[in-house]
Protein backbone atom coordinates (compact mmCIF):
# COMPACT_ATOMS: atom_id res chain seq x y z
CA MET A 1 -4.43 15.32 14.19
CA TYR A 2 -2.45 13.42 11.60
CA LYS A 3 -3.36 11.97 8.24
CA ALA A 4 -1.41 9.05 6.87
CA ASN A 5 -1.38 7.63 3.37
CA ILE A 6 -0.29 4.00 3.48
CA TYR A 7 0.78 2.27 0.28
CA VAL A 8 0.86 -1.54 0.41
CA THR A 9 2.49 -3.55 -2.39
CA LEU A 10 3.44 -7.17 -2.87
CA LYS A 11 7.09 -8.00 -2.30
CA GLU A 12 9.29 -8.75 -5.31
CA GLY A 13 8.84 -12.35 -6.41
CA VAL A 14 5.38 -12.82 -4.84
CA LEU A 15 2.87 -14.04 -7.41
CA ASP A 16 0.21 -11.45 -8.27
CA PRO A 17 -2.68 -13.23 -10.04
CA GLN A 18 -4.85 -10.10 -9.99
CA GLY A 19 -2.09 -8.11 -11.67
CA GLY A 20 -1.69 -10.88 -14.25
CA ALA A 21 -5.40 -10.80 -15.05
CA VAL A 22 -5.33 -7.02 -15.49
CA LYS A 23 -2.27 -7.30 -17.74
CA LYS A 24 -4.06 -9.84 -19.96
CA SER A 25 -7.12 -7.60 -20.15
CA LEU A 26 -4.99 -4.62 -21.13
CA HIS A 27 -3.41 -6.67 -23.91
CA VAL A 28 -6.90 -7.63 -25.15
CA LEU A 29 -7.64 -3.89 -25.29
CA ASN A 30 -4.51 -3.49 -27.48
CA TYR A 31 -2.28 -1.99 -24.78
CA THR A 32 0.39 -4.45 -25.82
CA GLY A 33 3.25 -2.35 -24.44
CA VAL A 34 2.24 -3.23 -20.88
CA THR A 35 4.90 -5.63 -19.58
CA GLU A 36 3.85 -6.01 -15.94
CA VAL A 37 1.00 -5.02 -13.63
CA ARG A 38 1.17 -5.25 -9.84
CA ILE A 39 -1.92 -4.57 -7.74
CA GLY A 40 -1.63 -2.99 -4.29
CA LYS A 41 -3.67 -1.14 -1.69
CA PHE A 42 -3.95 2.52 -0.74
CA ILE A 43 -5.20 3.24 2.78
CA GLU A 44 -5.94 6.63 4.39
CA VAL A 45 -5.84 6.83 8.18
CA TRP A 46 -6.67 9.88 10.31
CA LEU A 47 -5.54 9.67 13.91
CA GLU A 48 -5.02 11.78 16.95
CA ALA A 49 -1.71 11.43 18.76
CA LYS A 50 0.21 13.60 21.20
CA ASP A 51 3.16 14.08 18.82
CA PRO A 52 4.47 12.96 15.41
CA GLU A 53 6.72 10.26 16.85
CA THR A 54 3.83 8.61 18.69
CA ALA A 55 1.75 8.75 15.50
CA LYS A 56 4.58 7.12 13.50
CA VAL A 57 4.93 4.32 16.05
CA GLU A 58 1.18 3.68 16.04
CA LEU A 59 1.00 3.71 12.24
CA LYS A 60 3.86 1.20 12.03
CA GLU A 61 2.12 -1.06 14.55
CA MET A 62 -1.19 -0.79 12.65
CA SER A 63 0.51 -1.61 9.38
CA ASP A 64 2.46 -4.58 10.79
CA LYS A 65 -0.52 -6.05 12.65
CA LEU A 66 -3.46 -5.44 10.31
CA LEU A 67 -3.07 -3.22 7.26
CA ALA A 68 -0.27 -5.18 5.58
CA ASN A 69 1.03 -8.74 5.70
CA PRO A 70 4.77 -8.24 6.32
CA VAL A 71 5.51 -11.78 5.09
CA ILE A 72 4.43 -11.02 1.51
CA GLU A 73 3.87 -7.24 1.40
CA ASN A 74 5.88 -4.06 1.73
CA TYR A 75 4.34 -0.83 2.89
CA ARG A 76 5.23 2.84 2.92
CA VAL A 77 3.67 5.46 5.19
CA GLU A 78 3.43 9.16 4.33
CA MET A 79 2.17 11.24 7.22
CA LEU A 80 1.23 14.88 7.58
CA GLU A 81 -0.27 17.01 10.30
CA VAL A 82 -3.79 18.31 9.59
CA GLU A 83 -6.25 20.46 11.48
């Protein structure tokens, strides 16, 4: 069995209104040193696959088709084998 941590972030230059709202709120709370906030997603996936290569291929397919929007988002997959 494999466990994957998938980190999804907006691509550079894509507007992040949620991040902007959080930045404004942080400034209201006197965290004025905050210059930028970008909001992303963290997804954990456990899957069974016959080998690590098959798991990597499946995780890439999952990310491209559903977990991330490749047009506006980047993603990074960290995978490890678990019992």
